[in-house]
Amino acid sequence: MGVPEASRYVIIGAGVHGLSTGYHLALALKARGRGSGSDILIVDKTGVAAGASGIACGVVRNNYYQPAMRELMAHSVRVWESDPRVYSYHPVGYMQISPEVMHEDVARIAAQQKEIGYPSEFIEGEADSKAYMKGVFHDWQARGVTSVLHEKKGGYANNKASMEGLAAKAQNEGVQILSGVRVTGFQFSGKAISGVVTDRNVIRTDYVVVGAGPWIKSVWEMLDLPGRVSIKGRDGRMHHDIRMWTYWCLQEGTLGVDPHFQKTNDGKMPPVIHLDTDAPLYSDVDGALITDALWGIYYKPDFCFGGVQGGGMPYRVETDPDEVRVDPYGPESPDFVAGEDFARMWCSALAFCQKRFEGKFEYYKNDEPSGGLGAFTPDSFPVFDVFCENCYIIADSNHGYKMIGVGELVAEEIMGHESAMLAPFRFSRYAEGRLHPVSNSPFPWS
């Protein structure tokens, strides 16, 4: 299929943000009599869900320490719930199981979830937490736990199936999706973008949306946006020359057991489990100490992956960001996939949590490399903002897949209605010192 010479709206990236924005923008244009989906073109250098959205663990949760993130995630959960069949969404809930060092943070999350009407149950104290978990899994045996936040909404979605469903929704509204089209630059008229340069041709346009996921750094540079920023800290001091982008490597994998292996005491599919603890973790293979620092994992049964799937804490890539190779991405990468150390840690952590996982290391799927790079902002939280007058950038800092509702809000902003939910994520927050609070979680995005 040929690449058109012009489109009113050009969206770069066919992952969750590009597809969601395309679909919801088509609905917004039609509802207002200002156009239709045929005015929208989504281009991707590979194809639908070929990047981070296609290898995501698929967890959908509200468990964030930051009020702005909680409201945004509650909105996204509503979008997932709007069409669970097409989005391949499983509303099984989500459990944050935490040590004492995180107790106060999680208590605050629970209180604020209650304030916004997000249903959850909060259990406090070591004895009560253990009893609650044993009421779900008879073989629960994790140590170092003093609170459980059980979100009754949320769950997980099957990654590629959900993105294919979202793509179909957009196409049904007339949105054109073109694969194998690589963006190489931009043309400008004054300060505004007038054309998107691709390896095929130049596409004249009135408006551009960038939802490039881990490739945001390269698009950012094409737009000549600052590679280093100044940030006003909580102490009121300015911190200069801070890198705009760094990379973290995500570590995920699958234990090749029957997904039903993880059923609850009453025979139901369980909620997503996320455990953080400061109890020492020992190898389930040879008993050696793996870590005595704060650590965390998450896991869930998954029929798409064929087993129990999940991950652990990512690690920061220390290589100069200018030297990091994002392509080939995900399992095809020679550098950034989960290896033996992760497999040993994650399987041992599963056994730490539940007795049923003891001695199951041999079932880890070594033949299916997993993981991938995430491009992170200076504070590890998203940037949603307009640059170059007519270019909306969705830089999700690796919160992406679960944020299916961001595209709906972006579409409304393109229509001229500023979103209160997106306002806390403007680029200007760095210079103005309007930073999001941070928790004691071992994960950089919590």
Protein backbone atom coordinates (compact mmCIF):
# COMPACT_ATOMS: atom_id res chain seq x y z
CA MET A 1 0.00 0.00 0.00
CA GLY A 2 1.34 3.41 -0.95
CA VAL A 3 1.96 6.16 1.57
CA PRO A 4 -0.37 9.13 1.05
CA GLU A 5 1.17 12.50 0.29
CA ALA A 6 -1.00 14.23 2.89
CA SER A 7 -3.07 13.52 5.99
CA ARG A 8 -4.61 16.00 8.43
CA TYR A 9 -3.33 13.99 11.39
CA VAL A 10 -0.24 11.79 11.33
CA ILE A 11 0.36 9.53 14.33
CA ILE A 12 3.79 7.96 14.77
CA GLY A 13 3.69 4.55 16.45
CA ALA A 14 1.18 1.69 16.36
CA GLY A 15 1.42 0.72 20.02
CA VAL A 16 -1.10 1.45 22.74
CA HIS A 17 -0.74 5.25 22.62
CA GLY A 18 -0.79 5.64 18.85
CA LEU A 19 -3.71 3.26 18.37
CA SER A 20 -5.74 4.62 21.28
CA THR A 21 -5.22 8.22 20.15
CA GLY A 22 -6.13 7.34 16.57
CA TYR A 23 -9.30 5.54 17.60
CA HIS A 24 -10.51 8.16 20.07
CA LEU A 25 -9.57 11.06 17.79
CA ALA A 26 -11.69 9.50 15.05
CA LEU A 27 -14.64 9.31 17.45
CA ALA A 28 -14.09 12.90 18.59
CA LEU A 29 -13.91 14.27 15.04
CA LYS A 30 -17.09 12.46 14.03
CA ALA A 31 -18.98 13.49 17.18
CA ARG A 32 -18.20 17.16 16.54
CA GLY A 33 -18.76 17.07 12.79
CA ARG A 34 -15.17 18.12 12.24
CA GLY A 35 -13.99 15.16 10.22
CA SER A 36 -13.66 11.40 10.49
CA GLY A 37 -11.19 8.59 10.89
CA SER A 38 -10.20 8.92 7.24
CA ASP A 39 -8.39 12.13 8.25
CA ILE A 40 -6.00 10.11 10.43
CA LEU A 41 -2.94 8.13 9.39
CA ILE A 42 -0.93 5.93 11.80
CA VAL A 43 2.54 4.93 10.64
CA ASP A 44 4.89 2.43 12.25
CA LYS A 45 8.32 1.36 11.11
CA THR A 46 7.43 -2.28 11.85
CA GLY A 47 3.78 -2.88 12.61
CA VAL A 48 0.99 -3.04 15.19
CA ALA A 49 2.33 -3.94 18.66
CA ALA A 50 5.84 -4.59 17.28
CA GLY A 51 7.43 -2.67 20.15
CA ALA A 52 6.91 -2.42 23.89
CA SER A 53 3.12 -2.86 23.71
CA GLY A 54 3.59 -6.24 22.05
CA ILE A 55 5.84 -7.73 24.75
CA ALA A 56 4.30 -6.02 27.77
CA CYS A 57 3.40 -8.14 30.78
CA GLY A 58 -0.07 -6.69 30.40
CA VAL A 59 -0.70 -5.77 34.04
CA VAL A 60 -3.42 -3.18 34.61
CA ARG A 61 -3.32 -1.54 38.03
CA ASN A 62 -4.01 1.61 40.00
CA ASN A 63 -1.29 1.03 42.58
CA TYR A 64 0.63 4.31 42.40
CA TYR A 65 1.91 6.53 45.17
CA GLN A 66 1.34 9.66 43.06
CA PRO A 67 -2.23 11.09 43.13
CA ALA A 68 -1.99 12.18 39.49
CA MET A 69 -0.98 8.68 38.40
CA ARG A 70 -3.82 7.09 40.38
CA GLU A 71 -6.45 9.28 38.74
CA LEU A 72 -4.98 8.62 35.30
CA MET A 73 -4.88 4.87 35.91
CA ALA A 74 -8.44 4.79 37.25
CA HIS A 75 -9.51 6.43 33.99
CA SER A 76 -7.57 3.86 31.97
CA VAL A 77 -9.14 0.98 33.90
CA ARG A 78 -12.54 2.33 32.85
CA VAL A 79 -11.42 2.22 29.21
CA TRP A 80 -10.22 -1.38 29.60
CA GLU A 81 -13.58 -2.25 31.13
CA SER A 82 -15.49 -0.61 28.27
CA ASP A 83 -14.83 -3.53 25.92
CA PRO A 84 -13.09 -6.42 27.73
CA ARG A 85 -13.69 -8.90 24.93
CA VAL A 86 -12.04 -6.86 22.18
CA TYR A 87 -9.31 -5.68 24.52
CA SER A 88 -8.70 -9.26 25.74
CA TYR A 89 -8.93 -7.89 29.26
CA HIS A 90 -9.14 -10.07 32.39
CA PRO A 91 -10.50 -8.08 35.38
CA VAL A 92 -9.09 -10.35 38.08
CA GLY A 93 -7.83 -7.58 40.38
CA TYR A 94 -4.37 -6.75 41.69
CA MET A 95 -2.59 -7.22 45.03
CA GLN A 96 0.26 -5.07 46.37
CA ILE A 97 1.93 -7.05 49.19
CA SER A 98 4.48 -4.95 51.08
CA PRO A 99 7.04 -4.79 53.91
CA GLU A 100 7.00 -2.37 56.83
CA VAL A 101 9.29 0.12 55.07
CA MET A 102 6.50 0.64 52.51
CA HIS A 103 3.58 0.46 54.97
CA GLU A 104 2.98 4.19 55.27
CA ASP A 105 3.20 4.70 51.49
CA VAL A 106 0.73 1.93 50.73
CA ALA A 107 -1.64 3.13 53.46
CA ARG A 108 -1.70 6.51 51.74
CA ILE A 109 -2.45 4.85 48.41
CA ALA A 110 -5.32 2.91 49.99
CA ALA A 111 -6.79 6.05 51.57
CA GLN A 112 -6.65 8.00 48.34
CA GLN A 113 -8.09 5.14 46.33
CA LYS A 114 -11.05 5.30 48.70
CA GLU A 115 -11.32 9.06 48.13
CA ILE A 116 -11.58 8.64 44.35
CA GLY A 117 -13.99 5.71 44.64
CA TYR A 118 -11.57 3.07 43.45
CA PRO A 119 -12.56 -0.19 45.21
CA SER A 120 -9.83 -1.85 47.26
CA GLU A 121 -9.30 -3.56 50.60
CA PHE A 122 -6.37 -2.74 52.88
CA ILE A 123 -5.05 -5.24 55.40
CA GLU A 124 -2.47 -4.17 57.98
CA GLY A 125 -0.20 -6.08 60.34
CA GLU A 126 1.97 -9.13 59.78
CA ALA A 127 -0.46 -11.68 61.24
CA ASP A 128 -3.54 -10.31 59.49
CA SER A 129 -1.67 -9.98 56.19
CA LYS A 130 -0.53 -13.59 56.36
CA ALA A 131 -4.02 -14.81 57.24
CA TYR A 132 -5.54 -12.82 54.37
CA MET A 133 -3.06 -14.25 51.85
CA LYS A 134 -3.58 -17.79 53.14
CA GLY A 135 -7.27 -17.22 52.58
CA VAL A 136 -6.44 -16.70 48.92
CA PHE A 137 -3.59 -19.24 48.54
CA HIS A 138 -3.32 -22.05 51.10
CA ASP A 139 0.42 -22.36 50.39
CA TRP A 140 1.32 -18.68 50.86
CA GLN A 141 4.61 -18.44 52.77
CA ALA A 142 6.23 -15.07 52.00
CA ARG A 143 8.02 -13.37 54.88
CA GLY A 144 8.59 -9.73 55.69
CA VAL A 145 5.03 -8.65 54.83
CA THR A 146 3.04 -6.20 56.98
CA SER A 147 0.36 -4.95 54.58
CA VAL A 148 -1.76 -6.09 51.66
CA LEU A 149 -3.58 -3.71 49.33
CA HIS A 150 -6.10 -5.72 47.31
CA GLU A 151 -7.43 -3.73 44.37
CA LYS A 152 -10.72 -5.25 43.29
CA LYS A 153 -10.46 -3.70 39.81
CA GLY A 154 -7.60 -4.02 37.36
CA GLY A 155 -5.98 -7.26 36.29
CA TYR A 156 -4.24 -7.92 33.02
CA ALA A 157 -4.75 -8.07 29.27
CA ASN A 158 -3.17 -10.22 26.59
CA ASN A 159 -0.72 -7.87 24.93
CA LYS A 160 -0.84 -8.48 21.18
CA ALA A 161 -4.49 -9.55 21.17
CA SER A 162 -5.53 -6.33 22.89
CA MET A 163 -3.52 -4.18 20.50
CA GLU A 164 -4.96 -5.99 17.49
CA GLY A 165 -8.43 -5.35 18.91
CA LEU A 166 -7.66 -1.67 19.39
CA ALA A 167 -6.26 -1.45 15.85
CA ALA A 168 -9.45 -3.00 14.50
CA LYS A 169 -11.54 -0.43 16.37
CA ALA A 170 -9.50 2.39 14.80
CA GLN A 171 -9.72 0.89 11.31
CA ASN A 172 -13.48 0.42 11.67
CA GLU A 173 -13.66 4.19 12.15
CA GLY A 174 -11.70 4.75 8.93
CA VAL A 175 -8.23 5.26 10.41
CA GLN A 176 -5.46 4.08 8.07
CA ILE A 177 -2.60 2.12 9.64
CA LEU A 178 0.55 1.66 7.57
CA SER A 179 3.33 -0.70 8.60
CA GLY A 180 6.93 -0.58 7.41
CA VAL A 181 7.06 3.21 7.25
CA ARG A 182 10.05 4.70 9.06
CA VAL A 183 9.99 8.37 10.09
CA THR A 184 13.36 10.02 9.38
CA GLY A 185 12.64 13.71 10.01
CA PHE A 186 10.24 16.62 9.83
CA GLN A 187 9.63 19.64 7.64
CA PHE A 188 8.61 22.93 9.19
CA SER A 189 6.65 26.04 8.26
CA GLY A 190 7.82 28.58 10.79
CA LYS A 191 7.85 26.78 14.15
CA ALA A 192 5.11 24.30 13.22
CA ILE A 193 5.52 20.95 11.52
CA SER A 194 4.30 20.95 7.94
CA GLY A 195 5.47 17.51 6.84
CA VAL A 196 6.57 14.16 8.23
CA VAL A 197 9.57 12.83 6.33
CA THR A 198 9.61 9.04 5.92
CA ASP A 199 11.76 6.55 4.07
CA ARG A 200 9.02 6.46 1.41
CA ASN A 201 8.01 10.09 0.92
CA VAL A 202 7.01 13.27 2.72
CA ILE A 203 3.52 13.35 4.26
CA ARG A 204 2.07 16.86 4.46
CA THR A 205 0.09 17.32 7.66
CA ASP A 206 -1.65 19.75 9.99
CA TYR A 207 -0.95 17.87 13.21
CA VAL A 208 1.43 15.20 14.48
CA VAL A 209 1.11 12.83 17.44
CA VAL A 210 4.18 10.95 18.65
CA GLY A 211 3.61 7.69 20.52
CA ALA A 212 6.96 6.06 19.84
CA GLY A 213 7.57 4.28 23.15
CA PRO A 214 11.24 3.32 23.58
CA TRP A 215 12.11 5.16 20.34
CA ILE A 216 11.03 8.54 21.74
CA LYS A 217 14.65 9.73 22.09
CA SER A 218 15.29 9.54 18.35
CA VAL A 219 12.07 11.40 17.49
CA TRP A 220 12.83 13.96 20.21
CA GLU A 221 16.19 14.62 18.53
CA MET A 222 14.58 14.94 15.08
CA LEU A 223 12.44 17.72 16.56
CA ASP A 224 15.58 19.39 17.96
CA LEU A 225 14.19 19.30 21.49
CA PRO A 226 16.59 19.58 24.45
CA GLY A 227 18.63 16.49 25.30
CA ARG A 228 19.44 17.90 28.73
CA VAL A 229 17.16 19.82 31.07
CA SER A 230 17.23 21.91 34.23
CA ILE A 231 15.10 20.69 37.10
CA LYS A 232 13.96 22.61 40.14
CA GLY A 233 14.26 20.26 43.10
CA ARG A 234 12.05 20.03 46.14
CA ASP A 235 14.66 22.07 47.98
CA GLY A 236 14.05 24.97 45.58
CA ARG A 237 17.49 24.65 43.98
CA MET A 238 17.97 24.29 40.23
CA HIS A 239 19.79 21.19 39.03
CA HIS A 240 21.25 21.68 35.58
CA ASP A 241 22.45 19.49 32.73
CA ILE A 242 20.20 16.51 33.57
CA ARG A 243 19.78 13.95 30.78
CA MET A 244 16.28 13.99 29.33
CA TRP A 245 16.38 10.26 28.49
CA THR A 246 17.89 7.20 30.09
CA TYR A 247 17.20 3.53 29.42
CA TRP A 248 16.16 0.78 31.78
CA CYS A 249 16.03 -2.88 30.85
CA LEU A 250 12.84 -4.71 31.76
CA GLN A 251 13.13 -8.25 33.04
CA GLU A 252 10.24 -10.63 32.54
CA GLY A 253 9.81 -14.34 31.94
CA THR A 254 7.47 -17.33 31.96
CA LEU A 255 7.36 -20.50 34.02
CA GLY A 256 6.07 -23.24 31.73
CA VAL A 257 3.42 -24.75 33.96
CA ASP A 258 -0.30 -25.08 33.38
CA PRO A 259 -1.81 -21.61 33.98
CA HIS A 260 -4.43 -23.29 36.19
CA PHE A 261 -1.55 -24.18 38.51
CA GLN A 262 -1.98 -20.75 40.11
CA LYS A 263 -5.69 -20.98 40.94
CA THR A 264 -6.95 -19.69 44.27
CA ASN A 265 -8.33 -21.77 47.14
CA ASP A 266 -11.83 -21.49 45.68
CA GLY A 267 -10.70 -22.58 42.21
CA LYS A 268 -10.82 -19.15 40.57
CA MET A 269 -8.22 -17.36 38.50
CA PRO A 270 -6.18 -15.24 40.93
CA PRO A 271 -5.47 -11.53 41.00
CA VAL A 272 -2.12 -10.27 39.75
CA ILE A 273 0.38 -10.68 42.60
CA HIS A 274 2.99 -8.00 43.29
CA LEU A 275 5.25 -8.66 46.26
CA ASP A 276 7.87 -6.30 47.65
CA THR A 277 9.87 -7.34 50.70
CA ASP A 278 13.11 -6.72 52.53
CA ALA A 279 13.38 -10.34 53.71
CA PRO A 280 16.49 -12.10 52.35
CA LEU A 281 15.97 -14.08 49.17
CA TYR A 282 17.79 -17.41 48.82
CA SER A 283 18.12 -19.54 45.71
CA ASP A 284 15.54 -22.28 45.36
CA VAL A 285 18.20 -24.26 43.46
CA ASP A 286 21.25 -24.23 45.73
CA GLY A 287 20.28 -22.14 48.78
CA ALA A 288 22.78 -19.34 48.03
CA LEU A 289 21.87 -15.80 49.05
CA ILE A 290 20.53 -13.85 46.07
CA THR A 291 19.84 -10.55 47.84
CA ASP A 292 19.27 -9.11 51.29
CA ALA A 293 18.17 -5.71 49.96
CA LEU A 294 14.60 -4.58 49.22
CA TRP A 295 13.34 -6.53 46.20
CA GLY A 296 10.11 -7.16 44.34
CA ILE A 297 8.39 -9.35 41.74
CA TYR A 298 5.00 -9.64 40.06
CA TYR A 299 3.30 -12.64 38.47
CA LYS A 300 0.05 -13.97 37.09
CA PRO A 301 -1.28 -16.99 35.17
CA ASP A 302 -1.42 -16.30 31.47
CA PHE A 303 -2.89 -18.52 28.77
CA CYS A 304 -1.33 -16.34 26.07
CA PHE A 305 2.20 -17.00 27.32
CA GLY A 306 1.34 -20.55 28.34
CA GLY A 307 2.21 -20.61 32.02
CA VAL A 308 2.79 -18.25 34.91
CA GLN A 309 4.27 -15.01 33.62
CA GLY A 310 5.71 -11.96 35.31
CA GLY A 311 8.82 -10.01 36.10
CA GLY A 312 11.10 -8.35 38.57
CA MET A 313 12.81 -5.04 39.08
CA PRO A 314 14.33 -3.49 35.94
CA TYR A 315 17.92 -2.38 35.89
CA ARG A 316 19.29 0.90 34.66
CA VAL A 317 21.41 0.68 31.51
CA GLU A 318 24.67 2.39 32.39
CA THR A 319 25.79 2.77 28.77
CA ASP A 320 25.73 6.33 27.44
CA PRO A 321 22.15 6.76 26.13
CA ASP A 322 23.57 8.01 22.82
CA GLU A 323 25.26 4.62 22.40
CA VAL A 324 22.32 2.40 23.36
CA ARG A 325 20.91 0.31 20.51
CA VAL A 326 17.13 0.11 20.78
CA ASP A 327 16.89 -2.05 17.66
CA PRO A 328 16.54 -4.95 17.32
CA TYR A 329 13.96 -4.70 20.07
CA GLY A 330 12.75 -7.07 22.74
CA PRO A 331 13.44 -10.81 22.37
CA GLU A 332 15.43 -10.11 19.19
CA SER A 333 17.92 -7.92 21.04
CA PRO A 334 21.44 -9.32 21.52
CA ASP A 335 21.95 -7.13 24.58
CA PHE A 336 18.75 -6.43 26.50
CA VAL A 337 16.87 -9.60 27.39
CA ALA A 338 16.33 -11.35 30.70
CA GLY A 339 19.10 -13.89 31.33
CA GLU A 340 20.10 -16.64 33.74
CA ASP A 341 20.48 -14.34 36.74
CA PHE A 342 16.93 -13.08 36.33
CA ALA A 343 15.55 -16.60 35.86
CA ARG A 344 17.25 -17.76 39.06
CA MET A 345 16.03 -14.75 41.05
CA TRP A 346 12.44 -14.78 39.74
CA CYS A 347 11.86 -18.52 40.14
CA SER A 348 13.33 -18.40 43.64
CA ALA A 349 11.06 -15.45 44.44
CA LEU A 350 8.02 -17.43 43.25
CA ALA A 351 9.03 -20.24 45.63
CA PHE A 352 9.52 -17.65 48.39
CA CYS A 353 5.89 -16.60 47.88
CA GLN A 354 4.14 -19.94 47.42
CA LYS A 355 5.20 -23.50 48.20
CA ARG A 356 3.73 -24.79 44.95
CA PHE A 357 6.59 -23.12 43.07
CA GLU A 358 9.36 -24.85 44.98
CA GLY A 359 11.56 -26.99 42.75
CA LYS A 360 10.03 -25.62 39.54
CA PHE A 361 13.12 -23.81 38.18
CA GLU A 362 13.49 -26.43 35.44
CA TYR A 363 10.21 -25.25 33.92
CA TYR A 364 11.48 -21.73 33.26
CA LYS A 365 11.26 -21.02 29.52
CA ASN A 366 14.89 -20.33 28.65
CA ASP A 367 14.07 -20.75 24.96
CA GLU A 368 11.78 -17.72 25.01
CA PRO A 369 13.93 -14.66 25.80
CA SER A 370 11.93 -11.80 27.24
CA GLY A 371 12.42 -8.25 28.34
CA GLY A 372 13.07 -5.01 26.48
CA LEU A 373 14.21 -1.45 26.83
CA GLY A 374 12.19 1.40 28.28
CA ALA A 375 13.03 5.06 27.69
CA PHE A 376 12.67 6.96 30.97
CA THR A 377 12.26 10.69 31.62
CA PRO A 378 14.38 12.38 34.34
CA ASP A 379 11.79 11.67 37.05
CA SER A 380 10.51 8.37 35.59
CA PHE A 381 7.03 9.80 35.01
CA PRO A 382 5.31 10.56 31.70
CA VAL A 383 5.46 13.72 29.65
CA PHE A 384 2.25 14.58 27.79
CA ASP A 385 2.60 17.91 26.03
CA VAL A 386 2.55 19.88 22.79
CA PHE A 387 5.82 20.89 21.16
CA CYS A 388 6.59 22.76 17.92
CA GLU A 389 3.05 24.21 18.07
CA ASN A 390 1.32 21.20 16.48
CA CYS A 391 3.11 18.09 17.75
CA TYR A 392 1.62 16.21 20.68
CA ILE A 393 4.21 13.99 22.36
CA ILE A 394 3.16 11.03 24.48
CA ALA A 395 6.33 10.00 26.33
CA ASP A 396 5.13 7.43 28.83
CA SER A 397 8.41 6.61 30.65
CA ASN A 398 7.50 2.95 30.41
CA HIS A 399 4.11 3.16 32.12
CA GLY A 400 2.60 2.69 28.67
CA TYR A 401 0.60 -0.47 28.11
CA LYS A 402 -1.77 -0.08 31.04
CA MET A 403 -2.46 3.56 30.08
CA ILE A 404 -4.88 2.78 27.28
CA GLY A 405 -7.03 5.74 28.36
CA VAL A 406 -4.37 8.39 27.66
CA GLY A 407 -5.26 8.36 23.96
CA GLU A 408 -8.84 9.39 24.76
CA LEU A 409 -7.62 12.35 26.82
CA VAL A 410 -5.07 13.36 24.18
CA ALA A 411 -7.78 13.29 21.53
CA GLU A 412 -9.86 15.70 23.63
CA GLU A 413 -6.87 18.00 24.05
CA ILE A 414 -6.31 18.01 20.29
CA MET A 415 -9.97 19.03 19.98
CA GLY A 416 -9.22 22.00 22.23
CA HIS A 417 -10.33 20.73 25.66
CA GLU A 418 -7.47 20.66 28.17
CA SER A 419 -7.44 17.59 30.38
CA ALA A 420 -7.01 18.08 34.13
CA MET A 421 -5.65 14.52 34.32
CA LEU A 422 -2.86 15.22 31.84
CA ALA A 423 -1.96 18.67 33.19
CA PRO A 424 0.39 17.35 35.94
CA PHE A 425 2.55 15.71 33.27
CA ARG A 426 3.59 18.78 31.28
CA PHE A 427 7.24 19.23 30.37
CA SER A 428 7.27 22.57 32.23
CA ARG A 429 7.07 20.76 35.58
CA TYR A 430 10.83 20.26 35.55
CA ALA A 431 11.75 23.95 35.40
CA GLU A 432 8.90 24.91 37.73
CA GLY A 433 9.63 22.24 40.35
CA ARG A 434 6.16 20.66 40.20
CA LEU A 435 7.52 17.16 40.66
CA HIS A 436 5.57 14.06 41.57
CA PRO A 437 6.16 12.53 45.01
CA VAL A 438 8.20 9.32 45.16
CA SER A 439 7.68 6.22 47.27
CA ASN A 440 9.92 3.64 48.92
CA SER A 441 9.15 1.05 46.25
CA PRO A 442 12.13 -0.72 44.63
CA PHE A 443 10.54 -0.07 41.23
CA PRO A 444 11.46 3.23 39.49
CA TRP A 445 7.94 3.93 38.23
CA SER A 446 6.16 3.71 41.59
